[in-house]
C-alpha atoms as a PDB file:
ATOM      1  CA  UNK A   1      95.915 -34.696-171.414  1.00  0.00           C
ATOM      2  CA  UNK A   2      94.649 -34.220-174.962  1.00  0.00           C
ATOM      3  CA  UNK A   3      92.439 -36.997-175.961  1.00  0.00           C
ATOM      4  CA  UNK A   4      92.000 -38.797-173.146  1.00  0.00           C
ATOM      5  CA  UNK A   5      88.019 -38.583-171.995  1.00  0.00           C
ATOM      6  CA  UNK A   6      87.425 -36.348-168.568  1.00  0.00           C
ATOM      7  CA  UNK A   7      82.959 -37.303-168.562  1.00  0.00           C
ATOM      8  CA  UNK A   8      82.309 -38.524-165.729  1.00  0.00           C
ATOM      9  CA  UNK A   9      79.279 -40.230-164.881  1.00  0.00           C
ATOM     10  CA  UNK A  10      76.929 -40.825-161.638  1.00  0.00           C
ATOM     11  CA  UNK A  11      75.499 -43.552-161.224  1.00  0.00           C
ATOM     12  CA  UNK A  12      73.975 -46.058-157.833  1.00  0.00           C
ATOM     13  CA  UNK A  13      77.341 -48.564-156.718  1.00  0.00           C
ATOM     14  CA  UNK A  14      74.638 -51.084-157.563  1.00  0.00           C
ATOM     15  CA  UNK A  15      74.112 -50.677-161.197  1.00  0.00           C
ATOM     16  CA  UNK A  16      77.914 -50.652-162.065  1.00  0.00           C
ATOM     17  CA  UNK A  17      78.507 -53.819-159.444  1.00  0.00           C
ATOM     18  CA  UNK A  18      76.654 -56.708-157.561  1.00  0.00           C
ATOM     19  CA  UNK A  19      76.874 -56.618-154.139  1.00  0.00           C
ATOM     20  CA  UNK A  20      76.743 -59.595-152.407  1.00  0.00           C
ATOM     21  CA  UNK A  21      77.390 -61.450-148.578  1.00  0.00           C
ATOM     22  CA  UNK A  22      80.692 -63.262-148.621  1.00  0.00           C
ATOM     23  CA  UNK A  23      79.714 -67.218-148.886  1.00  0.00           C
ATOM     24  CA  UNK A  24      81.507 -69.463-146.845  1.00  0.00           C
ATOM     25  CA  UNK A  25      84.263 -71.228-147.303  1.00  0.00           C
ATOM     26  CA  UNK A  26      84.236 -69.263-150.983  1.00  0.00           C
ATOM     27  CA  UNK A  27      87.552 -68.510-152.340  1.00  0.00           C
ATOM     28  CA  UNK A  28      87.088 -64.826-153.785  1.00  0.00           C
ATOM     29  CA  UNK A  29      90.246 -63.998-156.740  1.00  0.00           C
ATOM     30  CA  UNK A  30      92.949 -61.198-156.137  1.00  0.00           C
ATOM     31  CA  UNK A  31      91.649 -58.053-156.812  1.00  0.00           C
ATOM     32  CA  UNK A  32      87.835 -58.336-154.883  1.00  0.00           C
ATOM     33  CA  UNK A  33      86.826 -55.312-153.739  1.00  0.00           C
ATOM     34  CA  UNK A  34      84.819 -55.956-149.853  1.00  0.00           C
ATOM     35  CA  UNK A  35      83.869 -53.640-147.185  1.00  0.00           C
ATOM     36  CA  UNK A  36      82.730 -55.160-143.538  1.00  0.00           C
ATOM     37  CA  UNK A  37      78.544 -54.756-143.358  1.00  0.00           C
ATOM     38  CA  UNK A  38      78.548 -56.487-140.446  1.00  0.00           C
ATOM     39  CA  UNK A  39      79.274 -54.402-136.823  1.00  0.00           C
ATOM     40  CA  UNK A  40      80.754 -52.848-138.819  1.00  0.00           C
ATOM     41  CA  UNK A  41      83.841 -50.018-138.158  1.00  0.00           C
ATOM     42  CA  UNK A  42      82.216 -46.970-139.781  1.00  0.00           C
ATOM     43  CA  UNK A  43      84.813 -44.414-137.840  1.00  0.00           C
ATOM     44  CA  UNK A  44      87.756 -45.984-139.709  1.00  0.00           C
ATOM     45  CA  UNK A  45      89.114 -44.101-141.809  1.00  0.00           C
ATOM     46  CA  UNK A  46      89.379 -47.147-144.615  1.00  0.00           C
ATOM     47  CA  UNK A  47      86.266 -48.232-145.447  1.00  0.00           C
ATOM     48  CA  UNK A  48      86.660 -50.567-148.740  1.00  0.00           C
ATOM     49  CA  UNK A  49      89.780 -52.886-148.817  1.00  0.00           C
ATOM     50  CA  UNK A  50      91.036 -55.068-151.665  1.00  0.00           C
ATOM     51  CA  UNK A  51      91.964 -58.701-151.810  1.00  0.00           C
ATOM     52  CA  UNK A  52      95.938 -58.728-152.385  1.00  0.00           C
ATOM     53  CA  UNK A  53      95.811 -62.895-153.240  1.00  0.00           C
ATOM     54  CA  UNK A  54      92.795 -65.182-153.736  1.00  0.00           C
ATOM     55  CA  UNK A  55      91.686 -65.173-150.611  1.00  0.00           C
ATOM     56  CA  UNK A  56      88.847 -67.367-147.596  1.00  0.00           C
ATOM     57  CA  UNK A  57      86.946 -63.745-146.294  1.00  0.00           C
ATOM     58  CA  UNK A  58      84.829 -63.656-143.314  1.00  0.00           C
ATOM     59  CA  UNK A  59      81.210 -63.970-143.444  1.00  0.00           C
ATOM     60  CA  UNK A  60      81.194 -60.534-141.873  1.00  0.00           C
ATOM     61  CA  UNK A  61      81.901 -58.874-144.952  1.00  0.00           C
ATOM     62  CA  UNK A  62      80.176 -58.220-148.539  1.00  0.00           C
ATOM     63  CA  UNK A  63      81.748 -58.655-151.789  1.00  0.00           C
ATOM     64  CA  UNK A  64      81.457 -55.986-155.002  1.00  0.00           C
ATOM     65  CA  UNK A  65      82.104 -57.212-158.119  1.00  0.00           C
ATOM     66  CA  UNK A  66      82.226 -54.750-160.974  1.00  0.00           C
ATOM     67  CA  UNK A  67      79.396 -54.981-164.321  1.00  0.00           C
ATOM     68  CA  UNK A  68      81.248 -52.502-166.173  1.00  0.00           C
ATOM     69  CA  UNK A  69      85.170 -52.592-167.018  1.00  0.00           C
ATOM     70  CA  UNK A  70      86.646 -50.089-164.429  1.00  0.00           C
ATOM     71  CA  UNK A  71      89.986 -50.331-162.950  1.00  0.00           C
ATOM     72  CA  UNK A  72      89.539 -51.866-159.256  1.00  0.00           C
ATOM     73  CA  UNK A  73      92.075 -49.759-157.625  1.00  0.00           C
ATOM     74  CA  UNK A  74      90.149 -46.442-159.057  1.00  0.00           C
ATOM     75  CA  UNK A  75      86.933 -48.341-157.864  1.00  0.00           C
ATOM     76  CA  UNK A  76      88.009 -48.004-154.176  1.00  0.00           C
ATOM     77  CA  UNK A  77      89.163 -44.501-154.578  1.00  0.00           C
ATOM     78  CA  UNK A  78      86.200 -43.528-155.828  1.00  0.00           C
ATOM     79  CA  UNK A  79      84.092 -45.205-152.741  1.00  0.00           C
ATOM     80  CA  UNK A  80      86.249 -44.317-149.990  1.00  0.00           C
ATOM     81  CA  UNK A  81      84.986 -40.727-151.872  1.00  0.00           C
ATOM     82  CA  UNK A  82      81.111 -41.348-151.150  1.00  0.00           C
ATOM     83  CA  UNK A  83      80.911 -43.324-148.361  1.00  0.00           C
ATOM     84  CA  UNK A  84      81.122 -41.475-145.281  1.00  0.00           C
ATOM     85  CA  UNK A  85      78.736 -39.533-146.133  1.00  0.00           C
ATOM     86  CA  UNK A  86      76.260 -42.355-147.464  1.00  0.00           C
ATOM     87  CA  UNK A  87      76.931 -44.247-143.785  1.00  0.00           C
ATOM     88  CA  UNK A  88      75.952 -40.656-142.354  1.00  0.00           C
ATOM     89  CA  UNK A  89      72.779 -40.316-143.938  1.00  0.00           C
ATOM     90  CA  UNK A  90      71.487 -44.133-144.316  1.00  0.00           C
ATOM     91  CA  UNK A  91      73.388 -46.469-142.014  1.00  0.00           C
ATOM     92  CA  UNK A  92      72.959 -43.868-138.859  1.00  0.00           C
ATOM     93  CA  UNK A  93      74.127 -45.124-135.679  1.00  0.00           C
ATOM     94  CA  UNK A  94      73.126 -48.209-136.726  1.00  0.00           C
ATOM     95  CA  UNK A  95      76.596 -50.950-135.678  1.00  0.00           C
ATOM     96  CA  UNK A  96      75.136 -53.810-139.433  1.00  0.00           C
ATOM     97  CA  UNK A  97      75.455 -51.962-142.892  1.00  0.00           C
ATOM     98  CA  UNK A  98      71.920 -53.478-144.362  1.00  0.00           C
ATOM     99  CA  UNK A  99      72.783 -54.411-147.548  1.00  0.00           C
ATOM    100  CA  UNK A 100      69.611 -53.062-149.487  1.00  0.00           C
ATOM    101  CA  UNK A 101      70.871 -49.926-148.406  1.00  0.00           C
ATOM    102  CA  UNK A 102      73.681 -50.335-151.329  1.00  0.00           C
ATOM    103  CA  UNK A 103      71.169 -48.632-153.763  1.00  0.00           C
ATOM    104  CA  UNK A 104      70.973 -45.432-151.715  1.00  0.00           C
ATOM    105  CA  UNK A 105      75.249 -44.905-152.762  1.00  0.00           C
ATOM    106  CA  UNK A 106      76.124 -42.918-155.565  1.00  0.00           C
ATOM    107  CA  UNK A 107      79.650 -42.886-157.291  1.00  0.00           C
ATOM    108  CA  UNK A 108      81.168 -40.750-159.851  1.00  0.00           C
ATOM    109  CA  UNK A 109      83.651 -41.819-161.329  1.00  0.00           C
ATOM    110  CA  UNK A 110      85.454 -41.581-164.519  1.00  0.00           C
ATOM    111  CA  UNK A 111      84.305 -43.268-167.790  1.00  0.00           C
ATOM    112  CA  UNK A 112      87.633 -43.283-169.797  1.00  0.00           C
ATOM    113  CA  UNK A 113      90.523 -45.791-168.401  1.00  0.00           C
ATOM    114  CA  UNK A 114      92.536 -43.771-169.392  1.00  0.00           C
ATOM    115  CA  UNK A 115      91.369 -41.462-167.094  1.00  0.00           C
ATOM    116  CA  UNK A 116      91.718 -43.931-164.462  1.00  0.00           C
ATOM    117  CA  UNK A 117      94.984 -44.713-164.687  1.00  0.00           C
ATOM    118  CA  UNK A 118      95.991 -41.189-164.267  1.00  0.00           C
ATOM    119  CA  UNK A 119      93.902 -40.430-161.505  1.00  0.00           C
ATOM    120  CA  UNK A 120      95.881 -43.774-159.390  1.00  0.00           C
ATOM    121  CA  UNK A 121      99.751 -42.508-160.998  1.00  0.00           C
ATOM    122  CA  UNK A 122      98.407 -39.105-158.916  1.00  0.00           C
ATOM    123  CA  UNK A 123      96.895 -40.555-155.610  1.00  0.00           C
ATOM    124  CA  UNK A 124      99.404 -43.105-155.668  1.00  0.00           C
ATOM    125  CA  UNK A 125     102.737 -41.425-154.463  1.00  0.00           C
ATOM    126  CA  UNK A 126     100.636 -39.376-151.692  1.00  0.00           C
ATOM    127  CA  UNK A 127      99.130 -43.035-150.592  1.00  0.00           C
ATOM    128  CA  UNK A 128     102.693 -43.687-150.386  1.00  0.00           C
ATOM    129  CA  UNK A 129     103.594 -41.153-148.732  1.00  0.00           C
ATOM    130  CA  UNK A 130     101.304 -41.566-146.066  1.00  0.00           C
ATOM    131  CA  UNK A 131     101.990 -45.138-145.685  1.00  0.00           C
ATOM    132  CA  UNK A 132     105.420 -44.696-144.730  1.00  0.00           C
ATOM    133  CA  UNK A 133     104.027 -41.599-142.067  1.00  0.00           C
ATOM    134  CA  UNK A 134     101.931 -43.897-140.269  1.00  0.00           C
ATOM    135  CA  UNK A 135     104.610 -46.836-140.659  1.00  0.00           C
ATOM    136  CA  UNK A 136     106.723 -43.634-138.213  1.00  0.00           C
ATOM    137  CA  UNK A 137     103.794 -43.116-136.179  1.00  0.00           C
ATOM    138  CA  UNK A 138     103.993 -46.640-135.021  1.00  0.00           C
ATOM    139  CA  UNK A 139     107.327 -46.598-134.171  1.00  0.00           C
ATOM    140  CA  UNK A 140     107.281 -43.662-131.908  1.00  0.00           C
ATOM    141  CA  UNK A 141     104.102 -44.815-130.645  1.00  0.00           C
ATOM    142  CA  UNK A 142     106.250 -48.153-129.281  1.00  0.00           C
ATOM    143  CA  UNK A 143     109.304 -46.413-128.792  1.00  0.00           C
ATOM    144  CA  UNK A 144     107.344 -44.145-126.464  1.00  0.00           C
ATOM    145  CA  UNK A 145     105.689 -47.494-124.324  1.00  0.00           C
ATOM    146  CA  UNK A 146     108.932 -48.993-123.771  1.00  0.00           C
ATOM    147  CA  UNK A 147     110.216 -44.794-121.904  1.00  0.00           C
ATOM    148  CA  UNK A 148     107.102 -44.854-120.202  1.00  0.00           C
ATOM    149  CA  UNK A 149     107.893 -48.693-118.866  1.00  0.00           C
ATOM    150  CA  UNK A 150     111.577 -47.462-118.155  1.00  0.00           C
ATOM    151  CA  UNK A 151     110.437 -44.422-116.298  1.00  0.00           C
ATOM    152  CA  UNK A 152     107.361 -45.894-113.873  1.00  0.00           C
ATOM    153  CA  UNK A 153     108.335 -49.887-113.664  1.00  0.00           C
END
């Protein structure tokens, strides 16, 4: 860790990124970060997503375009960490996220790309383990359904 800048900054998301509603039929590049703002899934475990390939998104989403040099995967991690509290405080019981509410979403992020990479390297094995466990749960739930159907036709 010697030589890596550990300094962080706290800024509103609107200072580090542009947030805009998805435009119909526009192709967004790979690694575009997006969030559902119409009929949002507030109780979902994950709220922020990132495109794996260039794609057209539905207009129920908003996209995040960083203004600063930040690793997109790292930005998603940072956003996931603060979004639930922000949604509880500002979005409340509404099913839609108003675009002007993003100015209240403050994020704390490491300035150094080396530190961003380090954080991602720590989280990657954990994320892979979680994915494997989720897949196992899905398989076991599917098996349970099959066994229940056989027990009670």
